[in-house]
Protein backbone atom coordinates (compact mmCIF):
# COMPACT_ATOMS: atom_id res chain seq x y z
CA UNK A 1 -0.03 0.00 -0.02
CA UNK A 2 2.85 2.47 0.84
CA UNK A 3 4.14 2.06 -2.73
CA UNK A 4 1.96 5.02 -3.63
CA UNK A 5 2.25 8.63 -2.61
CA UNK A 6 -0.95 9.60 -4.68
CA UNK A 7 -4.08 9.42 -2.61
CA UNK A 8 -2.65 7.38 0.15
CA UNK A 9 -0.33 10.04 1.64
CA UNK A 10 -1.09 13.72 2.20
CA UNK A 11 -0.05 16.18 -0.49
CA UNK A 12 -1.08 18.20 -3.58
CA UNK A 13 -1.14 16.73 -7.04
CA UNK A 14 -1.32 18.62 -10.27
CA UNK A 15 -2.37 17.07 -13.67
CA UNK A 16 -3.47 17.83 -17.16
CA UNK A 17 -4.78 16.05 -20.13
CA UNK A 18 -7.69 15.63 -22.47
CA UNK A 19 -11.48 15.07 -22.06
CA UNK A 20 -13.57 13.75 -24.81
CA UNK A 21 -17.35 13.95 -24.62
CA UNK A 22 -19.35 11.86 -26.93
CA UNK A 23 -21.73 14.76 -27.60
CA UNK A 24 -18.84 17.10 -28.70
CA UNK A 25 -16.58 16.47 -31.67
CA UNK A 26 -13.37 18.00 -30.30
CA UNK A 27 -11.20 17.01 -27.44
CA UNK A 28 -11.01 19.52 -24.60
CA UNK A 29 -7.88 20.17 -22.59
CA UNK A 30 -8.19 20.20 -18.80
CA UNK A 31 -6.14 20.75 -15.69
CA UNK A 32 -6.81 19.27 -12.35
CA UNK A 33 -5.58 19.73 -8.82
CA UNK A 34 -5.93 17.04 -6.03
CA UNK A 35 -5.55 18.06 -2.41
CA UNK A 36 -5.17 14.92 -0.16
CA UNK A 37 -5.57 14.91 3.64
CA UNK A 38 -3.85 12.92 6.25
CA UNK A 39 -5.51 9.71 7.32
CA UNK A 40 -8.03 10.51 10.08
CA UNK A 41 -8.63 8.50 13.32
CA UNK A 42 -11.14 6.31 11.48
CA UNK A 43 -8.73 5.43 8.78
CA UNK A 44 -10.32 7.67 6.13
CA UNK A 45 -8.70 9.90 3.70
CA UNK A 46 -10.39 12.99 2.28
CA UNK A 47 -9.55 14.31 -1.12
CA UNK A 48 -10.78 17.28 -2.95
CA UNK A 49 -10.41 17.40 -6.80
CA UNK A 50 -10.73 20.53 -8.75
CA UNK A 51 -11.10 20.29 -12.65
CA UNK A 52 -10.79 23.23 -15.01
CA UNK A 53 -11.70 22.47 -18.59
CA UNK A 54 -10.26 24.92 -21.15
CA UNK A 55 -12.97 27.15 -22.49
CA UNK A 56 -15.32 26.67 -19.53
CA UNK A 57 -15.28 29.38 -16.77
CA UNK A 58 -16.68 27.07 -14.07
CA UNK A 59 -14.24 24.93 -12.01
CA UNK A 60 -15.67 21.46 -11.31
CA UNK A 61 -15.37 20.13 -7.77
CA UNK A 62 -15.35 16.60 -6.61
CA UNK A 63 -15.07 15.32 -3.01
CA UNK A 64 -13.70 11.84 -2.44
CA UNK A 65 -13.56 9.83 0.71
CA UNK A 66 -11.33 6.75 0.74
CA UNK A 67 -12.16 4.27 3.55
CA UNK A 68 -12.15 0.63 4.54
CA UNK A 69 -8.58 0.25 3.12
CA UNK A 70 -7.51 -3.36 3.58
CA UNK A 71 -5.40 -5.91 1.67
CA UNK A 72 -5.32 -4.15 -1.69
CA UNK A 73 -8.99 -3.03 -1.66
CA UNK A 74 -10.86 0.03 -0.47
CA UNK A 75 -14.25 1.82 -0.65
CA UNK A 76 -14.42 5.27 -2.18
CA UNK A 77 -17.33 7.76 -1.95
CA UNK A 78 -17.57 10.51 -4.60
CA UNK A 79 -19.69 13.56 -4.07
CA UNK A 80 -20.47 16.45 -6.48
CA UNK A 81 -23.35 18.57 -7.50
CA UNK A 82 -24.43 16.49 -10.47
CA UNK A 83 -24.43 13.14 -8.68
CA UNK A 84 -24.93 13.65 -4.98
CA UNK A 85 -23.01 10.91 -3.15
CA UNK A 86 -22.14 7.56 -4.79
CA UNK A 87 -20.06 4.77 -3.36
CA UNK A 88 -17.60 2.62 -5.37
CA UNK A 89 -15.02 -0.05 -4.86
CA UNK A 90 -11.35 0.32 -5.48
CA UNK A 91 -8.17 -1.74 -5.75
CA UNK A 92 -4.34 -0.85 -5.20
CA UNK A 93 -1.28 -2.89 -5.99
CA UNK A 94 2.43 -1.89 -6.61
CA UNK A 95 1.59 -0.12 -9.90
CA UNK A 96 -2.02 0.79 -10.01
CA UNK A 97 -4.69 2.61 -8.00
CA UNK A 98 -8.11 2.18 -9.65
CA UNK A 99 -11.86 2.40 -8.72
CA UNK A 100 -15.15 1.97 -10.26
CA UNK A 101 -18.80 3.09 -9.56
CA UNK A 102 -21.83 1.29 -10.63
CA UNK A 103 -24.98 3.06 -9.44
CA UNK A 104 -27.96 1.47 -11.33
CA UNK A 105 -30.62 3.60 -9.48
CA UNK A 106 -29.22 6.69 -11.33
CA UNK A 107 -27.82 4.98 -14.43
CA UNK A 108 -24.22 6.10 -13.68
CA UNK A 109 -21.16 4.06 -14.09
CA UNK A 110 -17.46 4.51 -14.62
CA UNK A 111 -13.87 3.94 -13.62
CA UNK A 112 -10.54 5.72 -13.05
CA UNK A 113 -7.22 4.13 -13.34
CA UNK A 114 -3.98 5.66 -12.07
CA UNK A 115 -0.79 3.91 -13.22
CA UNK A 116 2.50 4.71 -11.33
CA UNK A 117 5.50 5.35 -13.60
CA UNK A 118 9.09 4.97 -12.66
CA UNK A 119 9.40 8.59 -11.89
CA UNK A 120 6.48 8.35 -9.25
CA UNK A 121 4.19 10.28 -11.52
CA UNK A 122 0.94 8.82 -12.78
CA UNK A 123 -0.68 8.22 -16.15
CA UNK A 124 -4.48 8.27 -15.71
CA UNK A 125 -7.45 6.99 -17.75
CA UNK A 126 -11.06 7.31 -16.87
CA UNK A 127 -14.38 6.63 -18.45
CA UNK A 128 -17.82 7.57 -17.15
CA UNK A 129 -21.32 6.97 -18.79
CA UNK A 130 -24.96 7.82 -17.89
CA UNK A 131 -28.30 6.40 -18.81
CA UNK A 132 -28.94 9.29 -21.19
CA UNK A 133 -26.07 8.07 -23.43
CA UNK A 134 -23.49 10.74 -22.22
CA UNK A 135 -20.03 9.23 -22.23
CA UNK A 136 -16.86 10.91 -20.98
CA UNK A 137 -13.31 9.68 -21.78
CA UNK A 138 -10.41 11.31 -19.90
CA UNK A 139 -6.70 10.80 -20.35
CA UNK A 140 -3.94 12.51 -18.55
CA UNK A 141 -1.06 12.51 -16.23
CA UNK A 142 -0.41 13.69 -12.60
CA UNK A 143 2.61 14.78 -10.74
CA UNK A 144 3.10 15.72 -7.09
CA UNK A 145 3.41 19.37 -6.36
CA UNK A 146 6.71 20.17 -4.73
CA UNK A 147 7.07 23.23 -2.47
């Protein structure tokens, strides 16, 4: 578990990449900032993610809560304005941190995959889909912000 600094240790991570929406022909650039807290007394880790898509003035905010971390698995809660709160399952090994959400009640599913590189930065891929045929593909990379 301690092979990873991203999400499992406190810090700030900066990333960028491309978002592709199936309703829009062009790829959109984005930047992201993750703020990761210390583990609290109940073994939970709070993370805040800000996403700025080029060409949009509004910054999107996602709140994540990682909990029940044990033997390579964890639970993860995602909360934002569009979804409310959803809970998913995650896995972690030496090279990968990944999670998925499947919430049939609201027709939402997706995954995020963070693959650790030799320089301790991450390549990420994500895909989310909703019942109304919206599909979002995200590719990018993250590195830890140094002070």
